Amino acid sequence: MKIKTISPLLATSFFAAAGYYCHGFHLLTVSSPRKTKNGLQSKFSSLSPSGSRVTRLHITAPQDIADQTFDLAVIGAGPVGVLAALLAARSPLNKKVVLIDAPRASGALMNEVTGEDLSIGGPTGLFSKALRDTGKRISVSSLKGMGLRDDSVWNEIVNSCVELASFNARDTIHQLEYAGVTYVQGMAAFADSGGSSSLFVTATDNSISTVTASKVLIATGSKPFRPGGIPFDGKRIFDSDTINTLSYLPKSVAITGSGIIAIEFAKIFKNLGSDVTLIIRDNIPRNALMKIGLDKDIAATLVADLVSASYILSLTNRRKFNPTSSQNV
């Protein structure tokens, strides 16, 4: 297994805060001589899963509910927001609930042909989850062995991701409609004068309406931290959100950080046949994993798994990493 080292000075500037899920960032650098225009975003804008019926959630215009008072207003239609809306609307609570979301502003995966939000209610990192499951279902080496080109293989991967995301979206839509949750698209904000019973909702046409609710739950999620000086161009350098715009199957991927998301993407791209370099900001990989809360033995087992699977571990010190030494795992 190849082991690379990086200057500590470079590591200080390049990997500041890397590896921490809430506070850090995960930088993915990919390379491939062949690029296609079949990225996940472009696929979602022109494709629905074959043989499936597109199910759209009825979107209520903000001005249509301006004179209503809700028991609960939920801002954000991610997994937490959707679940909270469903729990409040269902028996035994039977509350009147409005769910407010701005999928385009949040970078959600959209099917532009149908207007379908394919990430509604989806888990954080929906793309990574779909890509992970696809990597388990599709054998890239077998497809290449059959003579398929890289762009054809990537098409198969993307089609599978679309199907998984659409299935999740349709299931969420059915649940929200059955529970009687009112769904509004727009940007929600509290009044500058204070108070939490009224929300100003700005629709896509820039019209502003007032939504009144006794309780408000903010479930808008988070976004990756981007340190200055790193050119996130969406072509070769991505964060854990913009990686869903990747338009080709990369031959190699370099990932900074040693958190759960970094390791998840490392395993995903390894399963898809890419050469993966996982860049860790610590002398000993096990210590980096322990910093994010993993048990010592679990961390050591995970590092051993990475080593046995021929991942390239790039450490931020000059000392050689010996994969056979117990003190290094």
Protein backbone atom coordinates (compact mmCIF):
# COMPACT_ATOMS: atom_id res chain seq x y z
CA MET A 1 0.00 0.00 0.00
CA LYS A 2 1.31 3.45 -0.91
CA ILE A 3 1.71 5.95 1.90
CA LYS A 4 2.20 9.64 1.23
CA THR A 5 3.35 12.38 3.61
CA ILE A 6 2.55 16.08 3.58
CA SER A 7 4.44 18.98 5.04
CA PRO A 8 2.99 20.04 8.44
CA LEU A 9 3.10 23.69 7.29
CA LEU A 10 0.99 22.87 4.26
CA ALA A 11 -1.34 20.82 6.39
CA THR A 12 -1.92 23.71 8.76
CA SER A 13 -3.15 26.00 6.00
CA PHE A 14 -4.81 23.44 3.77
CA PHE A 15 -6.59 21.22 6.27
CA ALA A 16 -7.61 23.68 8.95
CA ALA A 17 -10.57 22.23 10.84
CA ALA A 18 -10.82 19.22 8.53
CA GLY A 19 -12.41 16.03 9.74
CA TYR A 20 -15.02 17.41 12.09
CA TYR A 21 -18.56 16.86 10.90
CA CYS A 22 -20.25 19.94 12.34
CA HIS A 23 -17.36 22.40 12.31
CA GLY A 24 -15.06 21.20 9.56
CA PHE A 25 -15.13 20.53 5.88
CA HIS A 26 -14.58 17.63 3.55
CA LEU A 27 -12.73 18.46 0.37
CA LEU A 28 -13.02 16.05 -2.53
CA THR A 29 -10.59 16.45 -5.42
CA VAL A 30 -11.28 14.24 -8.42
CA SER A 31 -9.47 13.68 -11.68
CA SER A 32 -10.42 12.03 -14.93
CA PRO A 33 -9.42 12.60 -18.55
CA ARG A 34 -12.97 11.93 -19.70
CA LYS A 35 -15.82 14.21 -18.77
CA THR A 36 -19.43 13.93 -19.80
CA LYS A 37 -22.42 16.18 -19.31
CA ASN A 38 -24.33 13.47 -17.51
CA GLY A 39 -24.05 14.87 -14.00
CA LEU A 40 -26.61 14.09 -11.34
CA GLN A 41 -28.15 17.55 -11.57
CA SER A 42 -28.51 17.37 -15.36
CA LYS A 43 -29.91 13.87 -15.09
CA PHE A 44 -32.51 15.02 -12.60
CA SER A 45 -33.49 17.85 -14.92
CA SER A 46 -34.25 15.58 -17.84
CA LEU A 47 -35.01 12.16 -16.52
CA SER A 48 -37.59 10.28 -14.48
CA PRO A 49 -37.04 6.64 -13.57
CA SER A 50 -38.24 4.41 -16.36
CA GLY A 51 -41.66 2.93 -15.80
CA SER A 52 -42.40 5.07 -12.73
CA ARG A 53 -45.21 7.54 -12.21
CA VAL A 54 -44.09 11.00 -11.15
CA THR A 55 -45.90 12.00 -7.97
CA ARG A 56 -45.92 15.69 -7.08
CA LEU A 57 -46.83 17.14 -3.72
CA HIS A 58 -49.47 19.85 -3.97
CA ILE A 59 -47.76 23.16 -3.34
CA THR A 60 -49.88 25.78 -1.62
CA ALA A 61 -49.16 29.41 -2.49
CA PRO A 62 -48.18 31.45 0.60
CA GLN A 63 -50.93 34.03 -0.09
CA ASP A 64 -53.56 31.28 0.03
CA ILE A 65 -52.94 30.63 3.73
CA ALA A 66 -52.34 34.22 4.84
CA ASP A 67 -55.61 34.35 6.79
CA GLN A 68 -55.07 30.99 8.54
CA THR A 69 -53.48 30.24 11.89
CA PHE A 70 -51.52 27.02 12.26
CA ASP A 71 -50.62 25.12 15.40
CA LEU A 72 -47.12 24.46 14.06
CA ALA A 73 -44.99 25.89 11.27
CA VAL A 74 -41.96 23.82 10.30
CA ILE A 75 -39.18 25.50 8.33
CA GLY A 76 -37.19 23.00 6.32
CA ALA A 77 -38.31 19.78 4.58
CA GLY A 78 -35.35 17.62 5.42
CA PRO A 79 -35.64 14.41 7.46
CA VAL A 80 -36.16 16.24 10.77
CA GLY A 81 -38.63 18.78 9.39
CA VAL A 82 -40.75 16.21 7.59
CA LEU A 83 -40.83 13.82 10.55
CA ALA A 84 -41.78 16.63 12.95
CA ALA A 85 -44.59 17.76 10.63
CA LEU A 86 -45.92 14.21 10.34
CA LEU A 87 -45.80 13.54 14.08
CA ALA A 88 -47.65 16.76 14.87
CA ALA A 89 -50.31 16.26 12.17
CA ARG A 90 -51.07 12.63 12.96
CA SER A 91 -53.12 11.19 15.79
CA PRO A 92 -53.12 11.65 18.73
CA LEU A 93 -51.87 15.24 18.36
CA ASN A 94 -53.87 16.10 15.19
CA LYS A 95 -52.33 19.54 14.89
CA LYS A 96 -52.74 21.90 11.95
CA VAL A 97 -49.27 21.98 10.38
CA VAL A 98 -47.63 23.96 7.59
CA LEU A 99 -44.29 22.85 6.17
CA ILE A 100 -42.25 25.64 4.57
CA ASP A 101 -39.28 24.83 2.36
CA ALA A 102 -37.09 26.45 -0.31
CA PRO A 103 -35.60 23.49 -2.20
CA ARG A 104 -33.98 25.53 -4.97
CA ALA A 105 -32.34 27.93 -2.55
CA SER A 106 -30.97 25.07 -0.48
CA GLY A 107 -29.46 23.31 -3.48
CA ALA A 108 -31.88 20.39 -3.37
CA LEU A 109 -31.92 17.87 -6.18
CA MET A 110 -34.72 18.86 -8.57
CA ASN A 111 -36.33 17.30 -11.61
CA GLU A 112 -36.74 20.44 -13.70
CA VAL A 113 -39.12 18.76 -16.15
CA THR A 114 -41.70 17.86 -13.52
CA GLY A 115 -40.77 20.34 -10.76
CA GLU A 116 -40.33 17.38 -8.43
CA ASP A 117 -38.12 17.91 -5.38
CA LEU A 118 -36.24 14.62 -5.22
CA SER A 119 -34.59 15.37 -1.90
CA ILE A 120 -37.74 16.12 0.15
CA GLY A 121 -37.53 14.27 3.44
CA GLY A 122 -34.27 12.72 2.32
CA PRO A 123 -31.44 12.08 4.75
CA THR A 124 -28.53 14.46 5.05
CA GLY A 125 -26.25 13.69 2.12
CA LEU A 126 -28.97 12.04 0.04
CA PHE A 127 -26.59 11.83 -2.92
CA SER A 128 -23.97 9.97 -0.90
CA LYS A 129 -26.57 7.51 0.40
CA ALA A 130 -27.89 6.84 -3.11
CA LEU A 131 -24.36 6.56 -4.47
CA ARG A 132 -23.39 4.21 -1.66
CA ASP A 133 -26.32 1.86 -2.35
CA THR A 134 -25.65 2.07 -6.08
CA GLY A 135 -22.04 1.05 -5.52
CA LYS A 136 -23.32 -2.08 -3.78
CA ARG A 137 -25.75 -2.92 -6.59
CA ILE A 138 -23.57 -2.16 -9.61
CA SER A 139 -20.25 -3.84 -10.33
CA VAL A 140 -18.19 -1.25 -12.16
CA SER A 141 -15.45 -3.75 -12.97
CA SER A 142 -18.01 -6.13 -14.52
CA LEU A 143 -19.52 -3.37 -16.64
CA LYS A 144 -16.08 -2.30 -17.85
CA GLY A 145 -15.24 -5.94 -18.51
CA MET A 146 -18.25 -6.04 -20.82
CA GLY A 147 -16.67 -3.27 -22.88
CA LEU A 148 -18.75 -0.34 -21.58
CA ARG A 149 -17.05 3.04 -21.69
CA ASP A 150 -16.65 5.18 -18.58
CA ASP A 151 -19.47 7.53 -19.59
CA SER A 152 -21.84 4.58 -20.10
CA VAL A 153 -20.91 3.18 -16.69
CA TRP A 154 -21.53 6.59 -15.11
CA ASN A 155 -24.95 6.72 -16.79
CA GLU A 156 -25.86 3.42 -15.15
CA ILE A 157 -24.73 4.75 -11.77
CA VAL A 158 -26.68 8.01 -12.13
CA ASN A 159 -29.85 6.25 -13.32
CA SER A 160 -29.75 4.06 -10.23
CA CYS A 161 -29.29 7.12 -7.98
CA VAL A 162 -32.28 8.81 -9.63
CA GLU A 163 -34.48 5.79 -8.99
CA LEU A 164 -33.50 5.61 -5.33
CA ALA A 165 -34.02 9.35 -4.75
CA SER A 166 -37.37 9.35 -6.57
CA PHE A 167 -38.65 6.40 -4.58
CA ASN A 168 -37.79 8.18 -1.33
CA ALA A 169 -39.43 11.44 -2.52
CA ARG A 170 -42.65 9.73 -3.62
CA ASP A 171 -42.98 7.90 -0.31
CA THR A 172 -42.50 11.16 1.62
CA ILE A 173 -45.08 12.95 -0.55
CA HIS A 174 -47.70 10.27 0.09
CA GLN A 175 -47.14 10.48 3.85
CA LEU A 176 -47.42 14.29 3.97
CA GLU A 177 -50.61 14.35 1.89
CA TYR A 178 -52.24 11.57 3.90
CA ALA A 179 -51.43 13.38 7.17
CA GLY A 180 -52.94 16.63 5.84
CA VAL A 181 -49.77 18.71 6.09
CA THR A 182 -49.90 22.00 4.13
CA TYR A 183 -46.77 22.41 2.00
CA VAL A 184 -45.49 25.87 1.04
CA GLN A 185 -42.41 26.72 -1.00
CA GLY A 186 -40.61 29.94 -0.12
CA MET A 187 -38.03 31.60 2.09
CA ALA A 188 -39.26 32.03 5.66
CA ALA A 189 -38.10 34.79 8.00
CA PHE A 190 -39.14 36.28 11.33
CA ALA A 191 -40.07 39.94 11.60
CA ASP A 192 -37.19 42.29 12.49
CA SER A 193 -39.38 43.80 15.20
CA GLY A 194 -39.37 40.54 17.14
CA GLY A 195 -42.04 38.02 17.95
CA SER A 196 -42.22 34.42 16.87
CA SER A 197 -45.87 33.90 15.96
CA SER A 198 -45.63 35.35 12.44
CA LEU A 199 -43.41 34.40 9.53
CA PHE A 200 -42.81 36.31 6.33
CA VAL A 201 -42.64 33.87 3.41
CA THR A 202 -41.07 35.08 0.16
CA ALA A 203 -42.31 33.04 -2.81
CA THR A 204 -40.42 32.33 -6.03
CA ASP A 205 -42.10 35.35 -7.68
CA ASN A 206 -40.75 37.56 -4.83
CA SER A 207 -44.22 38.15 -3.37
CA ILE A 208 -44.27 38.22 0.43
CA SER A 209 -47.02 36.72 2.57
CA THR A 210 -47.49 36.35 6.32
CA VAL A 211 -47.98 32.91 7.89
CA THR A 212 -49.18 32.75 11.50
CA ALA A 213 -48.44 29.82 13.80
CA SER A 214 -48.54 29.18 17.53
CA LYS A 215 -45.25 27.27 17.42
CA VAL A 216 -42.35 27.38 14.97
CA LEU A 217 -39.75 24.66 14.47
CA ILE A 218 -36.56 25.60 12.61
CA ALA A 219 -35.09 22.55 10.86
CA THR A 220 -33.02 24.09 8.09
CA GLY A 221 -30.00 21.83 8.43
CA SER A 222 -26.41 22.90 7.83
CA LYS A 223 -23.88 23.29 5.05
CA PRO A 224 -20.20 22.42 4.71
CA PHE A 225 -17.63 24.94 5.93
CA ARG A 226 -15.45 26.32 3.14
CA PRO A 227 -12.06 27.69 4.23
CA GLY A 228 -10.68 30.60 2.25
CA GLY A 229 -8.00 29.99 -0.33
CA ILE A 230 -9.39 26.72 -1.67
CA PRO A 231 -10.89 27.04 -5.19
CA PHE A 232 -14.13 25.07 -4.98
CA ASP A 233 -14.82 25.11 -8.71
CA GLY A 234 -17.35 22.27 -9.01
CA LYS A 235 -15.13 20.68 -11.66
CA ARG A 236 -12.25 19.11 -9.78
CA ILE A 237 -12.70 20.41 -6.24
CA PHE A 238 -15.97 19.78 -4.40
CA ASP A 239 -17.38 19.81 -0.90
CA SER A 240 -19.70 17.13 0.45
CA ASP A 241 -22.75 18.96 -0.97
CA THR A 242 -21.54 20.02 -4.42
CA ILE A 243 -20.15 16.55 -5.13
CA ASN A 244 -23.68 15.73 -6.36
CA THR A 245 -22.89 17.77 -9.50
CA LEU A 246 -20.07 15.41 -10.45
CA SER A 247 -20.50 14.64 -14.16
CA TYR A 248 -18.09 11.75 -14.68
CA LEU A 249 -16.68 8.66 -13.04
CA PRO A 250 -13.36 9.82 -11.56
CA LYS A 251 -10.24 7.73 -11.91
CA SER A 252 -8.84 9.08 -8.65
CA VAL A 253 -10.22 10.95 -5.64
CA ALA A 254 -8.41 12.76 -2.83
CA ILE A 255 -10.48 13.38 0.31
CA THR A 256 -9.41 15.54 3.24
CA GLY A 257 -10.58 14.73 6.74
CA SER A 258 -11.14 11.57 8.71
CA GLY A 259 -14.72 12.02 9.85
CA ILE A 260 -17.71 9.86 9.07
CA ILE A 261 -18.56 11.72 5.85
CA ALA A 262 -14.99 11.58 4.57
CA ILE A 263 -14.73 7.84 5.19
CA GLU A 264 -18.17 7.24 3.69
CA PHE A 265 -17.17 8.95 0.44
CA ALA A 266 -13.83 7.14 0.47
CA LYS A 267 -15.59 3.79 0.60
CA ILE A 268 -18.16 4.86 -2.01
CA PHE A 269 -15.60 5.85 -4.62
CA LYS A 270 -13.43 2.86 -3.83
CA ASN A 271 -16.41 0.59 -4.52
CA LEU A 272 -16.92 2.43 -7.81
CA GLY A 273 -13.37 1.63 -8.89
CA SER A 274 -11.62 4.95 -8.19
CA ASP A 275 -8.17 5.20 -6.63
CA VAL A 276 -8.81 6.88 -3.26
CA THR A 277 -6.40 8.92 -1.16
CA LEU A 278 -7.71 9.73 2.32
CA ILE A 279 -5.77 12.67 3.80
CA ILE A 280 -5.66 12.52 7.60
CA ARG A 281 -4.54 15.35 9.85
CA ASP A 282 -2.82 13.31 12.52
CA ASN A 283 0.33 11.28 13.01
CA ILE A 284 -1.76 8.19 13.77
CA PRO A 285 -5.01 7.52 11.86
CA ARG A 286 -6.68 5.93 14.88
CA ASN A 287 -6.27 9.14 16.88
CA ALA A 288 -7.97 11.18 14.19
CA LEU A 289 -11.01 8.91 14.35
CA MET A 290 -11.09 9.03 18.14
CA LYS A 291 -11.31 12.83 17.97
CA ILE A 292 -14.77 12.55 16.40
CA GLY A 293 -15.96 10.30 19.21
CA LEU A 294 -15.25 6.79 17.96
CA ASP A 295 -14.24 4.15 20.47
CA LYS A 296 -10.53 3.28 20.40
CA ASP A 297 -11.09 -0.32 19.33
CA ILE A 298 -13.66 0.64 16.68
CA ALA A 299 -11.30 3.29 15.32
CA ALA A 300 -8.45 0.77 15.14
CA THR A 301 -10.69 -1.75 13.36
CA LEU A 302 -11.81 0.87 10.86
CA VAL A 303 -8.22 1.88 10.08
CA ALA A 304 -7.27 -1.77 9.63
CA ASP A 305 -10.18 -2.14 7.20
CA LEU A 306 -8.98 0.87 5.21
CA VAL A 307 -5.47 -0.53 5.07
CA SER A 308 -6.60 -4.00 3.98
CA ALA A 309 -8.76 -2.47 1.23
CA SER A 310 -5.68 -0.70 -0.20
CA TYR A 311 -6.75 2.87 0.51
CA ILE A 312 -3.90 5.36 0.30
CA LEU A 313 -3.58 7.12 3.66
CA SER A 314 -1.84 10.48 3.40
CA LEU A 315 -0.64 11.77 6.77
CA THR A 316 0.25 15.33 7.67
CA ASN A 317 3.60 14.53 9.24
CA ARG A 318 6.93 13.40 7.84
CA ARG A 319 7.15 10.18 9.80
CA LYS A 320 6.65 7.04 7.75
CA PHE A 321 3.37 5.26 8.42
CA ASN A 322 3.89 1.54 8.96
CA PRO A 323 0.58 -0.28 8.39
CA THR A 324 1.90 -3.40 10.17
CA SER A 325 2.71 -1.53 13.37
CA SER A 326 0.05 -1.71 16.09
CA GLN A 327 0.95 1.74 17.42
CA ASN A 328 -0.02 3.30 14.11
CA VAL A 329 -3.59 2.00 14.07
